[in-house]
Amino acid sequence: MTTQRLAPLTGVAFIALVIIGFAIAGEPPDAESPAQEIVDHYVDNKTATEVGVLLAVPGLAFLIFFANHLRRVFDAAGDAALSTTILVGASIVGVGAAIDSTIQIALAESADDIEPTSVQTLQALWDNDFVPIALGLLVFLVSVGLSILRTGVLPRWLGWVALVLVVVGLTPIGFVAFLGTAILILVISIVLAVRAGRTGAPAPGTPATGA
């Protein structure tokens, strides 16, 4: 397979690695739980936490590669201004998630070496460090949604879905936007990969027929 065929699948790779990493690491007790309970979780699940994080890191790299592929697709369609911020948004998500992962590694490595109240404090930070990720997703979704609507490179309903997720992300049920974005990336990744695999498939930037 050519690089052009493989590039869209970086979105699938991102989703797969993040899901597997999260499944292995598991969900820790929140900061409102007793401090010793949090300590016990990280002591008992140290290896699982670290393996989960180490799987998520290359997943985040794939997200950035996927965003760069989208940037190229929309740039070829003449939407250079917004296509650039697709990559910017994904990069912010990557950095925010990397900070999140760093806190988890610190908790797994140090839970039995520092005071339980310090572990609880770090857990409180981990519970609430979503702001950079949310900012990156906002930039990513707005850029993808408007680029789709302006160019028609992908079915336009995907663009409307992206913009609806932006609105949802600004509500008290904002966590739904995280799940919705994962599904959106998966769908876009598959659509682009299938298109690239067809014989005589349109080059990047060609509007989708009937979109």
N, C-alpha and C. Protein backbone atom coordinates (compact mmCIF):
# COMPACT_ATOMS: atom_id res chain seq x y z
N MET A 1 0.84 -1.19 0.00
CA MET A 1 0.00 0.00 0.00
C MET A 1 0.87 1.24 0.00
N THR A 2 0.41 2.26 -0.70
CA THR A 2 1.18 3.50 -0.77
C THR A 2 0.97 4.33 0.48
N THR A 3 1.85 5.30 0.64
CA THR A 3 1.72 6.21 1.78
C THR A 3 0.39 6.94 1.74
N GLN A 4 -0.08 7.29 0.53
CA GLN A 4 -1.35 7.99 0.40
C GLN A 4 -2.50 7.14 0.91
N ARG A 5 -2.42 5.83 0.73
CA ARG A 5 -3.47 4.94 1.23
C ARG A 5 -3.40 4.77 2.74
N LEU A 6 -2.19 4.75 3.27
CA LEU A 6 -2.02 4.52 4.70
C LEU A 6 -2.30 5.77 5.54
N ALA A 7 -2.03 6.93 4.99
CA ALA A 7 -2.15 8.18 5.76
C ALA A 7 -3.51 8.36 6.42
N PRO A 8 -4.64 8.13 5.72
CA PRO A 8 -5.93 8.33 6.39
C PRO A 8 -6.15 7.38 7.56
N LEU A 9 -5.50 6.22 7.54
CA LEU A 9 -5.71 5.22 8.59
C LEU A 9 -5.03 5.61 9.91
N THR A 10 -4.27 6.69 9.91
CA THR A 10 -3.69 7.15 11.17
C THR A 10 -4.80 7.56 12.16
N GLY A 11 -5.95 7.95 11.63
CA GLY A 11 -7.08 8.25 12.51
C GLY A 11 -7.60 7.02 13.21
N VAL A 12 -7.68 5.91 12.48
CA VAL A 12 -8.10 4.64 13.07
C VAL A 12 -7.08 4.19 14.11
N ALA A 13 -5.79 4.34 13.79
CA ALA A 13 -4.72 3.94 14.71
C ALA A 13 -4.80 4.74 16.00
N PHE A 14 -5.08 6.03 15.88
CA PHE A 14 -5.22 6.89 17.07
C PHE A 14 -6.32 6.38 17.98
N ILE A 15 -7.51 6.14 17.42
CA ILE A 15 -8.64 5.69 18.23
C ILE A 15 -8.34 4.33 18.86
N ALA A 16 -7.77 3.41 18.08
CA ALA A 16 -7.51 2.06 18.59
C ALA A 16 -6.53 2.08 19.76
N LEU A 17 -5.44 2.81 19.62
CA LEU A 17 -4.42 2.83 20.68
C LEU A 17 -4.93 3.52 21.95
N VAL A 18 -5.69 4.59 21.78
CA VAL A 18 -6.21 5.29 22.96
C VAL A 18 -7.21 4.41 23.70
N ILE A 19 -8.08 3.72 22.96
CA ILE A 19 -9.06 2.84 23.61
C ILE A 19 -8.37 1.70 24.34
N ILE A 20 -7.40 1.08 23.68
CA ILE A 20 -6.67 -0.03 24.31
C ILE A 20 -5.91 0.47 25.54
N GLY A 21 -5.25 1.61 25.41
CA GLY A 21 -4.50 2.17 26.53
C GLY A 21 -5.39 2.48 27.72
N PHE A 22 -6.56 3.07 27.44
CA PHE A 22 -7.49 3.41 28.51
C PHE A 22 -8.03 2.13 29.17
N ALA A 23 -8.32 1.12 28.34
CA ALA A 23 -8.85 -0.13 28.88
C ALA A 23 -7.84 -0.81 29.81
N ILE A 24 -6.57 -0.74 29.45
CA ILE A 24 -5.53 -1.38 30.27
C ILE A 24 -5.31 -0.59 31.56
N ALA A 25 -5.21 0.73 31.45
CA ALA A 25 -4.92 1.56 32.63
C ALA A 25 -6.10 1.59 33.60
N GLY A 26 -7.31 1.56 33.07
CA GLY A 26 -8.48 1.60 33.93
C GLY A 26 -8.76 3.00 34.46
N GLU A 27 -9.89 3.13 35.13
CA GLU A 27 -10.30 4.43 35.69
C GLU A 27 -9.94 4.48 37.17
N PRO A 28 -9.09 5.42 37.57
CA PRO A 28 -8.72 5.52 38.98
C PRO A 28 -9.82 6.16 39.82
N PRO A 29 -9.77 6.01 41.13
CA PRO A 29 -10.73 6.71 42.00
C PRO A 29 -10.55 8.22 41.83
N ASP A 30 -11.63 8.98 41.94
CA ASP A 30 -11.48 10.43 41.82
C ASP A 30 -10.94 11.03 43.11
N ALA A 31 -10.64 12.31 43.05
CA ALA A 31 -9.97 12.98 44.18
C ALA A 31 -10.85 13.06 45.42
N GLU A 32 -12.15 12.85 45.28
CA GLU A 32 -13.04 12.89 46.43
C GLU A 32 -13.01 11.58 47.23
N SER A 33 -12.36 10.57 46.66
CA SER A 33 -12.22 9.30 47.37
C SER A 33 -11.19 9.44 48.49
N PRO A 34 -11.22 8.54 49.48
CA PRO A 34 -10.20 8.60 50.53
C PRO A 34 -8.79 8.52 49.94
N ALA A 35 -7.87 9.27 50.51
CA ALA A 35 -6.51 9.35 49.98
C ALA A 35 -5.86 7.97 49.89
N GLN A 36 -6.06 7.14 50.91
CA GLN A 36 -5.43 5.82 50.91
C GLN A 36 -5.98 4.93 49.79
N GLU A 37 -7.25 5.11 49.48
CA GLU A 37 -7.85 4.33 48.37
C GLU A 37 -7.17 4.68 47.05
N ILE A 38 -6.88 5.96 46.85
CA ILE A 38 -6.20 6.39 45.63
C ILE A 38 -4.79 5.81 45.59
N VAL A 39 -4.10 5.89 46.71
CA VAL A 39 -2.75 5.33 46.80
C VAL A 39 -2.76 3.85 46.45
N ASP A 40 -3.68 3.11 47.06
CA ASP A 40 -3.75 1.67 46.83
C ASP A 40 -4.01 1.34 45.36
N HIS A 41 -4.84 2.15 44.72
CA HIS A 41 -5.12 1.91 43.30
C HIS A 41 -3.85 1.98 42.45
N TYR A 42 -3.06 3.04 42.66
CA TYR A 42 -1.86 3.21 41.84
C TYR A 42 -0.76 2.22 42.21
N VAL A 43 -0.69 1.84 43.47
CA VAL A 43 0.30 0.83 43.87
C VAL A 43 -0.06 -0.52 43.26
N ASP A 44 -1.34 -0.87 43.32
CA ASP A 44 -1.78 -2.17 42.82
C ASP A 44 -1.82 -2.23 41.29
N ASN A 45 -1.95 -1.08 40.65
CA ASN A 45 -2.09 -1.05 39.19
C ASN A 45 -0.97 -0.26 38.51
N LYS A 46 0.20 -0.26 39.13
CA LYS A 46 1.31 0.53 38.60
C LYS A 46 1.66 0.13 37.18
N THR A 47 1.86 -1.15 36.94
CA THR A 47 2.27 -1.61 35.61
C THR A 47 1.18 -1.34 34.59
N ALA A 48 -0.07 -1.63 34.95
CA ALA A 48 -1.17 -1.42 34.02
C ALA A 48 -1.30 0.06 33.65
N THR A 49 -1.15 0.93 34.64
CA THR A 49 -1.24 2.37 34.38
C THR A 49 -0.14 2.82 33.42
N GLU A 50 1.07 2.36 33.66
CA GLU A 50 2.19 2.79 32.82
C GLU A 50 2.09 2.23 31.41
N VAL A 51 1.67 0.98 31.28
CA VAL A 51 1.50 0.38 29.95
C VAL A 51 0.40 1.11 29.19
N GLY A 52 -0.71 1.41 29.88
CA GLY A 52 -1.79 2.14 29.24
C GLY A 52 -1.35 3.49 28.73
N VAL A 53 -0.59 4.20 29.53
CA VAL A 53 -0.09 5.52 29.13
C VAL A 53 0.87 5.40 27.96
N LEU A 54 1.76 4.42 28.01
CA LEU A 54 2.74 4.26 26.94
C LEU A 54 2.10 3.87 25.62
N LEU A 55 0.94 3.23 25.66
CA LEU A 55 0.21 2.94 24.43
C LEU A 55 -0.51 4.19 23.90
N ALA A 56 -0.97 5.02 24.82
CA ALA A 56 -1.69 6.22 24.41
C ALA A 56 -0.78 7.24 23.75
N VAL A 57 0.49 7.28 24.12
CA VAL A 57 1.42 8.28 23.58
C VAL A 57 1.58 8.15 22.06
N PRO A 58 1.90 6.96 21.52
CA PRO A 58 1.95 6.85 20.06
C PRO A 58 0.59 7.10 19.42
N GLY A 59 -0.49 6.80 20.15
CA GLY A 59 -1.82 7.12 19.64
C GLY A 59 -1.97 8.61 19.41
N LEU A 60 -1.48 9.41 20.34
CA LEU A 60 -1.55 10.87 20.18
C LEU A 60 -0.70 11.34 19.01
N ALA A 61 0.43 10.67 18.79
CA ALA A 61 1.25 11.00 17.62
C ALA A 61 0.47 10.74 16.33
N PHE A 62 -0.26 9.62 16.30
CA PHE A 62 -1.08 9.31 15.13
C PHE A 62 -2.17 10.37 14.92
N LEU A 63 -2.71 10.93 16.00
CA LEU A 63 -3.70 12.00 15.86
C LEU A 63 -3.10 13.18 15.12
N ILE A 64 -1.88 13.55 15.46
CA ILE A 64 -1.23 14.69 14.81
C ILE A 64 -0.95 14.39 13.34
N PHE A 65 -0.51 13.14 13.05
CA PHE A 65 -0.30 12.77 11.65
C PHE A 65 -1.62 12.79 10.88
N PHE A 66 -2.70 12.34 11.53
CA PHE A 66 -4.01 12.35 10.88
C PHE A 66 -4.45 13.79 10.59
N ALA A 67 -4.26 14.66 11.56
CA ALA A 67 -4.62 16.07 11.36
C ALA A 67 -3.81 16.69 10.23
N ASN A 68 -2.56 16.31 10.13
CA ASN A 68 -1.72 16.84 9.05
C ASN A 68 -2.23 16.35 7.69
N HIS A 69 -2.69 15.09 7.65
CA HIS A 69 -3.26 14.57 6.41
C HIS A 69 -4.52 15.36 6.04
N LEU A 70 -5.38 15.62 7.03
CA LEU A 70 -6.57 16.43 6.76
C LEU A 70 -6.19 17.82 6.28
N ARG A 71 -5.15 18.39 6.89
CA ARG A 71 -4.68 19.71 6.47
C ARG A 71 -4.32 19.70 4.99
N ARG A 72 -3.62 18.66 4.55
CA ARG A 72 -3.22 18.56 3.15
C ARG A 72 -4.42 18.40 2.23
N VAL A 73 -5.40 17.61 2.68
CA VAL A 73 -6.60 17.39 1.87
C VAL A 73 -7.36 18.69 1.65
N PHE A 74 -7.58 19.44 2.74
CA PHE A 74 -8.34 20.68 2.61
C PHE A 74 -7.52 21.80 1.97
N ASP A 75 -6.21 21.77 2.19
CA ASP A 75 -5.35 22.76 1.56
C ASP A 75 -5.38 22.61 0.05
N ALA A 76 -5.40 21.34 -0.41
CA ALA A 76 -5.47 21.08 -1.85
C ALA A 76 -6.79 21.56 -2.44
N ALA A 77 -7.82 21.64 -1.57
CA ALA A 77 -9.13 22.11 -2.04
C ALA A 77 -9.26 23.62 -1.95
N GLY A 78 -8.19 24.30 -1.53
CA GLY A 78 -8.19 25.75 -1.51
C GLY A 78 -8.61 26.39 -0.21
N ASP A 79 -8.65 25.62 0.88
CA ASP A 79 -9.06 26.17 2.18
C ASP A 79 -7.85 26.20 3.13
N ALA A 80 -6.81 26.89 2.71
CA ALA A 80 -5.54 26.86 3.45
C ALA A 80 -5.66 27.47 4.84
N ALA A 81 -6.46 28.53 5.00
CA ALA A 81 -6.52 29.21 6.29
C ALA A 81 -7.05 28.30 7.39
N LEU A 82 -8.19 27.66 7.17
CA LEU A 82 -8.76 26.80 8.18
C LEU A 82 -8.04 25.47 8.29
N SER A 83 -7.49 24.99 7.17
CA SER A 83 -6.81 23.69 7.22
C SER A 83 -5.60 23.74 8.14
N THR A 84 -4.97 24.88 8.26
CA THR A 84 -3.81 25.01 9.16
C THR A 84 -4.22 24.84 10.61
N THR A 85 -5.38 25.38 10.98
CA THR A 85 -5.79 25.30 12.37
C THR A 85 -6.29 23.89 12.75
N ILE A 86 -6.56 23.04 11.78
CA ILE A 86 -6.84 21.64 12.08
C ILE A 86 -5.63 21.02 12.76
N LEU A 87 -4.46 21.25 12.19
CA LEU A 87 -3.23 20.72 12.77
C LEU A 87 -2.91 21.39 14.11
N VAL A 88 -3.17 22.68 14.20
CA VAL A 88 -2.93 23.39 15.46
C VAL A 88 -3.80 22.81 16.57
N GLY A 89 -5.09 22.61 16.29
CA GLY A 89 -5.99 22.06 17.29
C GLY A 89 -5.57 20.68 17.75
N ALA A 90 -5.22 19.80 16.81
CA ALA A 90 -4.79 18.45 17.17
C ALA A 90 -3.50 18.49 17.99
N SER A 91 -2.62 19.41 17.68
CA SER A 91 -1.37 19.53 18.43
C SER A 91 -1.63 19.96 19.87
N ILE A 92 -2.58 20.87 20.05
CA ILE A 92 -2.95 21.29 21.41
C ILE A 92 -3.51 20.10 22.18
N VAL A 93 -4.38 19.32 21.53
CA VAL A 93 -4.92 18.11 22.16
C VAL A 93 -3.78 17.18 22.58
N GLY A 94 -2.82 16.99 21.66
CA GLY A 94 -1.70 16.11 21.95
C GLY A 94 -0.89 16.57 23.16
N VAL A 95 -0.61 17.85 23.23
CA VAL A 95 0.16 18.38 24.36
C VAL A 95 -0.65 18.26 25.65
N GLY A 96 -1.94 18.60 25.59
CA GLY A 96 -2.79 18.50 26.78
C GLY A 96 -2.88 17.08 27.29
N ALA A 97 -3.06 16.13 26.37
CA ALA A 97 -3.14 14.72 26.76
C ALA A 97 -1.79 14.21 27.26
N ALA A 98 -0.71 14.74 26.73
CA ALA A 98 0.62 14.34 27.20
C ALA A 98 0.84 14.82 28.64
N ILE A 99 0.35 16.01 28.97
CA ILE A 99 0.42 16.49 30.35
C ILE A 99 -0.40 15.58 31.26
N ASP A 100 -1.59 15.22 30.80
CA ASP A 100 -2.45 14.30 31.53
C ASP A 100 -1.73 12.98 31.79
N SER A 101 -1.06 12.47 30.77
CA SER A 101 -0.33 11.20 30.90
C SER A 101 0.86 11.33 31.85
N THR A 102 1.51 12.49 31.83
CA THR A 102 2.64 12.72 32.72
C THR A 102 2.22 12.65 34.19
N ILE A 103 1.04 13.22 34.48
CA ILE A 103 0.53 13.17 35.86
C ILE A 103 0.24 11.73 36.26
N GLN A 104 -0.32 10.96 35.34
CA GLN A 104 -0.59 9.55 35.65
C GLN A 104 0.69 8.77 35.91
N ILE A 105 1.72 9.02 35.12
CA ILE A 105 3.01 8.34 35.35
C ILE A 105 3.57 8.73 36.71
N ALA A 106 3.47 10.01 37.06
CA ALA A 106 3.96 10.47 38.36
C ALA A 106 3.22 9.78 39.49
N LEU A 107 1.91 9.62 39.33
CA LEU A 107 1.12 8.95 40.36
C LEU A 107 1.51 7.47 40.48
N ALA A 108 1.67 6.81 39.35
CA ALA A 108 2.01 5.38 39.37
C ALA A 108 3.40 5.16 39.97
N GLU A 109 4.33 6.05 39.67
CA GLU A 109 5.70 5.88 40.13
C GLU A 109 5.90 6.28 41.59
N SER A 110 5.09 7.24 42.06
CA SER A 110 5.38 7.84 43.37
C SER A 110 4.32 7.62 44.43
N ALA A 111 3.27 6.89 44.09
CA ALA A 111 2.14 6.75 45.03
C ALA A 111 2.56 6.22 46.39
N ASP A 112 3.52 5.28 46.41
CA ASP A 112 3.94 4.71 47.70
C ASP A 112 5.17 5.39 48.28
N ASP A 113 5.60 6.50 47.66
CA ASP A 113 6.79 7.21 48.14
C ASP A 113 6.48 8.57 48.74
N ILE A 114 5.29 9.09 48.48
CA ILE A 114 4.93 10.41 48.98
C ILE A 114 3.69 10.30 49.88
N GLU A 115 3.35 11.38 50.54
CA GLU A 115 2.23 11.39 51.46
C GLU A 115 0.91 11.13 50.71
N PRO A 116 0.00 10.36 51.30
CA PRO A 116 -1.29 10.10 50.65
C PRO A 116 -2.03 11.38 50.26
N THR A 117 -1.91 12.42 51.08
CA THR A 117 -2.58 13.68 50.73
C THR A 117 -1.98 14.31 49.47
N SER A 118 -0.68 14.09 49.25
CA SER A 118 -0.03 14.59 48.04
C SER A 118 -0.53 13.82 46.82
N VAL A 119 -0.72 12.51 47.00
CA VAL A 119 -1.28 11.69 45.92
C VAL A 119 -2.68 12.18 45.58
N GLN A 120 -3.45 12.48 46.61
CA GLN A 120 -4.81 12.98 46.41
C GLN A 120 -4.81 14.31 45.66
N THR A 121 -3.84 15.15 45.98
CA THR A 121 -3.71 16.44 45.28
C THR A 121 -3.41 16.25 43.81
N LEU A 122 -2.47 15.34 43.52
CA LEU A 122 -2.15 15.04 42.12
C LEU A 122 -3.36 14.47 41.40
N GLN A 123 -4.14 13.64 42.12
CA GLN A 123 -5.34 13.08 41.51
C GLN A 123 -6.35 14.17 41.18
N ALA A 124 -6.46 15.16 42.07
CA ALA A 124 -7.37 16.28 41.82
C ALA A 124 -6.93 17.05 40.57
N LEU A 125 -5.61 17.21 40.40
CA LEU A 125 -5.09 17.87 39.21
C LEU A 125 -5.41 17.06 37.96
N TRP A 126 -5.23 15.72 38.04
CA TRP A 126 -5.51 14.85 36.90
C TRP A 126 -6.99 14.88 36.54
N ASP A 127 -7.85 14.94 37.55
CA ASP A 127 -9.29 14.97 37.32
C ASP A 127 -9.73 16.23 36.57
N ASN A 128 -8.96 17.29 36.67
CA ASN A 128 -9.41 18.60 36.16
C ASN A 128 -8.45 19.23 35.15
N ASP A 129 -7.60 18.40 34.52
CA ASP A 129 -6.64 18.97 33.57
C ASP A 129 -7.13 18.88 32.12
N PHE A 130 -8.46 18.91 31.96
CA PHE A 130 -9.05 18.73 30.63
C PHE A 130 -9.08 20.01 29.79
N VAL A 131 -8.77 21.15 30.39
CA VAL A 131 -8.94 22.43 29.67
C VAL A 131 -8.11 22.50 28.39
N PRO A 132 -6.80 22.17 28.41
CA PRO A 132 -6.05 22.21 27.14
C PRO A 132 -6.61 21.26 26.09
N ILE A 133 -7.06 20.08 26.53
CA ILE A 133 -7.63 19.11 25.58
C ILE A 133 -8.92 19.67 24.99
N ALA A 134 -9.76 20.26 25.84
CA ALA A 134 -11.02 20.85 25.36
C ALA A 134 -10.76 21.99 24.38
N LEU A 135 -9.76 22.82 24.68
CA LEU A 135 -9.40 23.92 23.78
C LEU A 135 -8.98 23.38 22.43
N GLY A 136 -8.11 22.37 22.44
CA GLY A 136 -7.65 21.79 21.18
C GLY A 136 -8.77 21.17 20.37
N LEU A 137 -9.68 20.47 21.06
CA LEU A 137 -10.82 19.87 20.36
C LEU A 137 -11.72 20.94 19.75
N LEU A 138 -11.91 22.04 20.46
CA LEU A 138 -12.73 23.13 19.95
C LEU A 138 -12.15 23.67 18.64
N VAL A 139 -10.85 23.95 18.64
CA VAL A 139 -10.19 24.46 17.44
C VAL A 139 -10.25 23.42 16.31
N PHE A 140 -9.99 22.16 16.65
CA PHE A 140 -10.00 21.08 15.67
C PHE A 140 -11.38 20.92 15.03
N LEU A 141 -12.43 20.86 15.85
CA LEU A 141 -13.78 20.60 15.35
C LEU A 141 -14.30 21.77 14.51
N VAL A 142 -14.08 22.99 14.98
CA VAL A 142 -14.52 24.15 14.19
C VAL A 142 -13.82 24.16 12.83
N SER A 143 -12.53 23.91 12.84
CA SER A 143 -11.76 23.95 11.59
C SER A 143 -12.19 22.84 10.63
N VAL A 144 -12.36 21.62 11.16
CA VAL A 144 -12.78 20.51 10.31
C VAL A 144 -14.20 20.76 9.78
N GLY A 145 -15.11 21.16 10.68
CA GLY A 145 -16.49 21.37 10.26
C GLY A 145 -16.62 22.41 9.17
N LEU A 146 -16.01 23.57 9.37
CA LEU A 146 -16.12 24.64 8.38
C LEU A 146 -15.39 24.28 7.09
N SER A 147 -14.26 23.58 7.19
CA SER A 147 -13.53 23.17 5.99
C SER A 147 -14.37 22.21 5.14
N ILE A 148 -15.06 21.28 5.79
CA ILE A 148 -15.92 20.36 5.05
C ILE A 148 -17.05 21.12 4.36
N LEU A 149 -17.68 22.03 5.07
CA LEU A 149 -18.80 22.78 4.50
C LEU A 149 -18.36 23.70 3.37
N ARG A 150 -17.15 24.25 3.47
CA ARG A 150 -16.67 25.17 2.45
C ARG A 150 -16.16 24.47 1.20
N THR A 151 -15.63 23.25 1.36
CA THR A 151 -14.99 22.58 0.21
C THR A 151 -15.81 21.43 -0.36
N GLY A 152 -16.60 20.74 0.48
CA GLY A 152 -17.32 19.57 0.00
C GLY A 152 -16.42 18.39 -0.28
N VAL A 153 -15.21 18.41 0.25
CA VAL A 153 -14.28 17.29 0.05
C VAL A 153 -14.84 16.02 0.69
N LEU A 154 -15.50 16.18 1.82
CA LEU A 154 -16.17 15.08 2.50
C LEU A 154 -17.67 15.38 2.53
N PRO A 155 -18.51 14.36 2.76
CA PRO A 155 -19.95 14.61 2.84
C PRO A 155 -20.24 15.72 3.85
N ARG A 156 -21.07 16.66 3.46
CA ARG A 156 -21.26 17.85 4.29
C ARG A 156 -21.93 17.56 5.62
N TRP A 157 -22.64 16.45 5.72
CA TRP A 157 -23.26 16.15 7.01
C TRP A 157 -22.20 15.93 8.08
N LEU A 158 -21.00 15.48 7.67
CA LEU A 158 -19.91 15.33 8.64
C LEU A 158 -19.47 16.69 9.18
N GLY A 159 -19.53 17.70 8.33
CA GLY A 159 -19.20 19.05 8.78
C GLY A 159 -20.19 19.56 9.80
N TRP A 160 -21.49 19.29 9.56
CA TRP A 160 -22.50 19.71 10.52
C TRP A 160 -22.36 18.96 11.84
N VAL A 161 -22.01 17.68 11.76
CA VAL A 161 -21.79 16.90 12.99
C VAL A 161 -20.66 17.52 13.81
N ALA A 162 -19.58 17.90 13.13
CA ALA A 162 -18.44 18.51 13.83
C ALA A 162 -18.86 19.79 14.55
N LEU A 163 -19.67 20.62 13.90
CA LEU A 163 -20.10 21.88 14.52
C LEU A 163 -21.09 21.64 15.66
N VAL A 164 -21.94 20.63 15.53
CA VAL A 164 -22.84 20.29 16.62
C VAL A 164 -22.04 19.84 17.84
N LEU A 165 -20.97 19.08 17.61
CA LEU A 165 -20.12 18.63 18.71
C LEU A 165 -19.46 19.81 19.43
N VAL A 166 -19.16 20.87 18.69
CA VAL A 166 -18.62 22.08 19.31
C VAL A 166 -19.62 22.64 20.31
N VAL A 167 -20.88 22.74 19.90
CA VAL A 167 -21.93 23.27 20.77
C VAL A 167 -22.11 22.37 21.99
N VAL A 168 -22.14 21.06 21.76
CA VAL A 168 -22.31 20.10 22.86
C VAL A 168 -21.15 20.23 23.85
N GLY A 169 -19.95 20.46 23.31
CA GLY A 169 -18.77 20.57 24.16
C GLY A 169 -18.81 21.76 25.10
N LEU A 170 -19.66 22.73 24.81
CA LEU A 170 -19.76 23.93 25.65
C LEU A 170 -20.88 23.82 26.67
N THR A 171 -21.49 22.65 26.77
CA THR A 171 -22.60 22.43 27.71
C THR A 171 -22.13 21.57 28.88
N PRO A 172 -22.97 21.41 29.91
CA PRO A 172 -22.60 20.55 31.04
C PRO A 172 -22.35 19.09 30.66
N ILE A 173 -22.82 18.66 29.48
CA ILE A 173 -22.55 17.29 29.04
C ILE A 173 -21.42 17.28 28.01
N GLY A 174 -20.47 18.14 28.24
CA GLY A 174 -19.36 18.28 27.29
C GLY A 174 -18.59 17.01 27.04
N PHE A 175 -18.61 16.06 28.00
CA PHE A 175 -17.87 14.82 27.81
C PHE A 175 -18.39 14.05 26.59
N VAL A 176 -19.66 14.28 26.22
CA VAL A 176 -20.23 13.62 25.04
C VAL A 176 -19.47 14.04 23.79
N ALA A 177 -18.99 15.28 23.78
CA ALA A 177 -18.24 15.78 22.61
C ALA A 177 -16.94 15.00 22.42
N PHE A 178 -16.31 14.56 23.52
CA PHE A 178 -15.09 13.77 23.41
C PHE A 178 -15.38 12.45 22.70
N LEU A 179 -16.46 11.79 23.12
CA LEU A 179 -16.84 10.53 22.49
C LEU A 179 -17.25 10.74 21.04
N GLY A 180 -18.03 11.80 20.81
CA GLY A 180 -18.47 12.09 19.45
C GLY A 180 -17.32 12.41 18.52
N THR A 181 -16.31 13.11 19.03
CA THR A 181 -15.15 13.44 18.20
C THR A 181 -14.39 12.18 17.82
N ALA A 182 -14.29 11.23 18.74
CA ALA A 182 -13.62 9.97 18.42
C ALA A 182 -14.33 9.24 17.29
N ILE A 183 -15.67 9.21 17.36
CA ILE A 183 -16.44 8.55 16.29
C ILE A 183 -16.29 9.31 14.98
N LEU A 184 -16.31 10.64 15.04
CA LEU A 184 -16.16 11.45 13.84
C LEU A 184 -14.82 11.20 13.17
N ILE A 185 -13.74 11.17 13.96
CA ILE A 185 -12.42 10.90 13.40
C ILE A 185 -12.38 9.52 12.76
N LEU A 186 -13.00 8.54 13.42
CA LEU A 186 -13.03 7.18 12.88
C LEU A 186 -13.74 7.14 11.53
N VAL A 187 -14.88 7.82 11.43
CA VAL A 187 -15.65 7.83 10.18
C VAL A 187 -14.87 8.53 9.07
N ILE A 188 -14.31 9.70 9.38
CA ILE A 188 -13.54 10.44 8.37
C ILE A 188 -12.34 9.63 7.90
N SER A 189 -11.67 8.99 8.85
CA SER A 189 -10.50 8.18 8.52
C SER A 189 -10.87 7.05 7.55
N ILE A 190 -11.97 6.37 7.84
CA ILE A 190 -12.39 5.26 6.99
C ILE A 190 -12.85 5.75 5.62
N VAL A 191 -13.60 6.85 5.59
CA VAL A 191 -14.07 7.40 4.31
C VAL A 191 -12.88 7.76 3.41
N LEU A 192 -11.89 8.43 3.98
CA LEU A 192 -10.72 8.83 3.19
C LEU A 192 -9.89 7.62 2.77
N ALA A 193 -9.79 6.62 3.64
CA ALA A 193 -9.00 5.42 3.31
C ALA A 193 -9.68 4.64 2.19
N VAL A 194 -11.00 4.51 2.26
CA VAL A 194 -11.73 3.79 1.21
C VAL A 194 -11.60 4.53 -0.12
N ARG A 195 -11.71 5.84 -0.06
CA ARG A 195 -11.59 6.64 -1.29
C ARG A 195 -10.20 6.50 -1.89
N ALA A 196 -9.17 6.51 -1.03
CA ALA A 196 -7.80 6.39 -1.52
C ALA A 196 -7.53 5.01 -2.11
N GLY A 197 -8.26 4.00 -1.61
CA GLY A 197 -8.04 2.63 -2.08
C GLY A 197 -8.75 2.29 -3.37
N ARG A 198 -9.68 3.13 -3.80
CA ARG A 198 -10.40 2.86 -5.04
C ARG A 198 -9.52 3.10 -6.25
N THR A 199 -9.72 2.34 -7.26
CA THR A 199 -9.02 2.57 -8.52
C THR A 199 -9.57 3.84 -9.15
N GLY A 200 -8.65 4.73 -9.47
CA GLY A 200 -9.09 5.99 -10.06
C GLY A 200 -9.76 6.90 -9.07
N ALA A 201 -9.42 6.75 -7.79
CA ALA A 201 -10.02 7.60 -6.76
C ALA A 201 -9.63 9.04 -6.99
N PRO A 202 -10.51 9.99 -6.64
CA PRO A 202 -10.19 11.41 -6.80
C PRO A 202 -9.03 11.82 -5.93
N ALA A 203 -8.24 12.70 -6.40
CA ALA A 203 -7.09 13.20 -5.65
C ALA A 203 -7.57 14.00 -4.46
N PRO A 204 -6.72 14.17 -3.43
CA PRO A 204 -7.09 14.98 -2.28
C PRO A 204 -7.53 16.37 -2.75
N GLY A 205 -8.64 16.84 -2.17
CA GLY A 205 -9.13 18.15 -2.53
C GLY A 205 -10.26 18.11 -3.52
N THR A 206 -10.58 16.92 -4.10
CA THR A 206 -11.68 16.81 -5.03
C THR A 206 -12.99 16.68 -4.29
N PRO A 207 -14.00 17.53 -4.53
CA PRO A 207 -15.26 17.45 -3.80
C PRO A 207 -15.91 16.10 -3.94
N ALA A 208 -16.57 15.64 -2.88
CA ALA A 208 -17.26 14.36 -2.92
C ALA A 208 -18.53 14.46 -3.74
N THR A 209 -18.73 13.52 -4.65
CA THR A 209 -19.90 13.51 -5.49
C THR A 209 -21.16 13.35 -4.65
N GLY A 210 -22.13 14.21 -4.88
CA GLY A 210 -23.40 14.09 -4.17
C GLY A 210 -23.37 14.56 -2.76
N ALA A 211 -22.24 15.16 -2.30
CA ALA A 211 -22.16 15.59 -0.92
C ALA A 211 -23.04 16.81 -0.72
